[in-house]
Amino acid sequence: DLLKTALKTITPLAEAQEIDMYTERAEDVTVEGDKDQLVELFLSILDNSIKYNRPKGSVSLSLARLDNWAVIKVADTGIGIAPEALGKVFERFYREDMSRGEVPGTGLGLPIAKGIAESHGGRIVVESRVGEGSTFTVYLPLAASS
């Protein structure tokens, strides 16, 4: 439900940018936490995946269970992140110079997303290739009843 809410909110932005959105789901998983904060976490990542994508690109969102974790992946076909910048994207106010000057933003979305994930006992990791895109993977602990 959290991901559906985030997707419903972000779809108009994706459509305006002509970005195709794809979703994959393995099975329902349940995590405990603040719904509004968790939706904000996913909106921040999805927003970046759309803003830094290429024209007519795509964003895929998948949900899976791995041991005691809900694993949510957001992969895009965007401009990618330079290797030397990967360690900095979660720092407050950091904005990579490469082709990003015209994209609006403050450099706070990903640091906030990271803080939300960590406050829920989870984490975010990013993999990227310049010119090919980025994949953000969010790990959140499953609820005890999951």
Protein backbone atom coordinates (compact mmCIF):
# COMPACT_ATOMS: atom_id res chain seq x y z
CA ASP A 1 0.00 0.00 0.00
CA LEU A 2 2.88 2.39 0.74
CA LEU A 3 4.33 1.84 -2.71
CA LYS A 4 0.93 2.21 -4.38
CA THR A 5 0.44 5.54 -2.62
CA ALA A 6 3.88 6.76 -3.69
CA LEU A 7 3.31 5.62 -7.29
CA LYS A 8 -0.10 7.29 -7.48
CA THR A 9 1.45 10.54 -6.24
CA ILE A 10 4.47 10.47 -8.57
CA THR A 11 2.79 9.22 -11.77
CA PRO A 12 1.78 12.72 -13.01
CA LEU A 13 5.42 13.84 -12.83
CA ALA A 14 6.52 10.73 -14.73
CA GLU A 15 3.87 11.29 -17.39
CA ALA A 16 4.87 14.96 -17.77
CA GLN A 17 8.49 13.86 -18.34
CA GLU A 18 7.40 10.98 -20.65
CA ILE A 19 8.96 8.44 -18.29
CA ASP A 20 7.46 4.95 -18.32
CA MET A 21 6.83 3.45 -14.89
CA TYR A 22 7.02 -0.33 -14.40
CA THR A 23 6.25 -2.27 -11.26
CA GLU A 24 7.08 -5.83 -10.29
CA ARG A 25 5.88 -7.48 -7.14
CA ALA A 26 6.90 -10.85 -5.78
CA GLU A 27 4.57 -10.97 -2.78
CA ASP A 28 3.00 -8.78 -0.15
CA VAL A 29 5.28 -7.83 2.70
CA THR A 30 4.54 -5.85 5.83
CA VAL A 31 6.84 -3.41 7.57
CA GLU A 32 6.16 -1.45 10.73
CA GLY A 33 6.59 2.28 10.79
CA ASP A 34 5.25 5.71 10.09
CA LYS A 35 3.26 5.47 6.85
CA ASP A 36 3.73 9.14 5.89
CA GLN A 37 7.48 8.99 6.43
CA LEU A 38 7.83 5.76 4.46
CA VAL A 39 5.81 7.19 1.57
CA GLU A 40 8.12 10.24 1.66
CA LEU A 41 11.14 7.93 1.50
CA PHE A 42 9.87 6.29 -1.70
CA LEU A 43 8.69 9.58 -3.21
CA SER A 44 12.20 11.04 -2.76
CA ILE A 45 13.83 8.14 -4.59
CA LEU A 46 11.18 7.99 -7.33
CA ASP A 47 11.37 11.77 -7.79
CA ASN A 48 15.14 11.59 -8.37
CA SER A 49 14.71 8.63 -10.72
CA ILE A 50 12.36 10.71 -12.84
CA LYS A 51 14.20 14.05 -12.63
CA TYR A 52 17.56 12.57 -13.61
CA ASN A 53 16.25 10.25 -16.28
CA ARG A 54 16.67 10.60 -20.02
CA PRO A 55 13.83 11.62 -22.34
CA LYS A 56 11.39 8.73 -22.79
CA GLY A 57 13.30 6.72 -20.19
CA SER A 58 11.87 4.34 -17.63
CA VAL A 59 11.73 3.65 -13.91
CA SER A 60 11.05 0.21 -12.49
CA LEU A 61 9.94 -0.52 -8.97
CA SER A 62 10.14 -3.99 -7.46
CA LEU A 63 9.28 -5.46 -4.09
CA ALA A 64 10.62 -8.72 -2.70
CA ARG A 65 11.27 -10.51 0.56
CA LEU A 66 14.82 -11.51 1.49
CA ASP A 67 15.22 -13.27 4.82
CA ASN A 68 13.80 -10.79 7.36
CA TRP A 69 13.87 -7.83 4.99
CA ALA A 70 11.48 -6.14 2.61
CA VAL A 71 13.64 -5.22 -0.38
CA ILE A 72 12.41 -2.41 -2.60
CA LYS A 73 14.40 -1.56 -5.73
CA VAL A 74 13.96 1.58 -7.82
CA ALA A 75 15.94 1.36 -11.06
CA ASP A 76 16.08 4.04 -13.73
CA THR A 77 17.54 4.54 -17.20
CA GLY A 78 18.86 7.98 -16.30
CA ILE A 79 22.14 9.83 -16.51
CA GLY A 80 23.71 7.84 -13.70
CA ILE A 81 25.98 8.96 -10.90
CA ALA A 82 29.74 9.27 -11.22
CA PRO A 83 31.68 6.75 -9.10
CA GLU A 84 33.32 9.51 -7.04
CA ALA A 85 29.87 10.95 -6.22
CA LEU A 86 28.22 7.69 -5.10
CA GLY A 87 29.40 8.11 -1.52
CA LYS A 88 28.14 11.69 -1.38
CA VAL A 89 24.56 11.46 -2.70
CA PHE A 90 23.19 10.90 0.80
CA GLU A 91 24.93 14.01 2.19
CA ARG A 92 22.74 17.03 2.88
CA PHE A 93 22.75 19.65 0.12
CA TYR A 94 25.03 17.59 -2.13
CA ARG A 95 24.23 17.94 -5.82
CA GLU A 96 26.44 16.43 -8.47
CA ASP A 97 27.57 18.96 -11.06
CA MET A 98 27.38 16.63 -14.07
CA SER A 99 24.40 17.77 -16.17
CA ARG A 100 22.40 18.53 -13.04
CA GLY A 101 22.51 22.31 -12.95
CA GLU A 102 19.13 22.68 -14.65
CA VAL A 103 17.30 20.15 -12.48
CA PRO A 104 15.42 21.78 -9.62
CA GLY A 105 16.10 20.57 -6.12
CA THR A 106 17.90 21.29 -2.89
CA GLY A 107 19.97 18.17 -2.36
CA LEU A 108 17.86 17.12 0.62
CA GLY A 109 15.66 14.35 -0.82
CA LEU A 110 18.10 11.45 -0.60
CA PRO A 111 19.51 12.43 2.82
CA ILE A 112 15.95 12.59 4.16
CA ALA A 113 15.15 9.21 2.55
CA LYS A 114 18.26 7.70 4.15
CA GLY A 115 17.30 9.13 7.55
CA ILE A 116 13.80 7.70 7.27
CA ALA A 117 15.11 4.26 6.29
CA GLU A 118 17.59 4.26 9.18
CA SER A 119 14.99 5.46 11.69
CA HIS A 120 12.93 2.41 10.69
CA GLY A 121 15.87 0.03 11.20
CA GLY A 122 16.71 -0.15 7.49
CA ARG A 123 19.17 1.18 4.98
CA ILE A 124 19.52 2.37 1.37
CA VAL A 125 22.26 1.42 -1.06
CA VAL A 126 22.86 2.77 -4.55
CA GLU A 127 24.53 1.34 -7.62
CA SER A 128 25.02 3.41 -10.74
CA ARG A 129 26.70 3.61 -14.11
CA VAL A 130 27.16 6.97 -15.81
CA GLY A 131 24.98 7.14 -18.90
CA GLU A 132 23.09 3.95 -18.03
CA GLY A 133 21.15 4.70 -14.85
CA SER A 134 20.94 4.05 -11.14
CA THR A 135 19.38 1.50 -8.83
CA PHE A 136 18.43 2.44 -5.29
CA THR A 137 17.72 -0.52 -3.02
CA VAL A 138 15.86 0.03 0.23
CA TYR A 139 16.02 -2.63 2.95
CA LEU A 140 13.38 -2.40 5.67
CA PRO A 141 12.89 -5.00 8.42
CA LEU A 142 9.75 -7.10 8.04
CA ALA A 143 7.06 -6.72 10.67
CA ALA A 144 7.05 -9.52 13.23
CA SER A 145 3.87 -11.03 11.75
CA SER A 146 5.20 -11.05 8.14
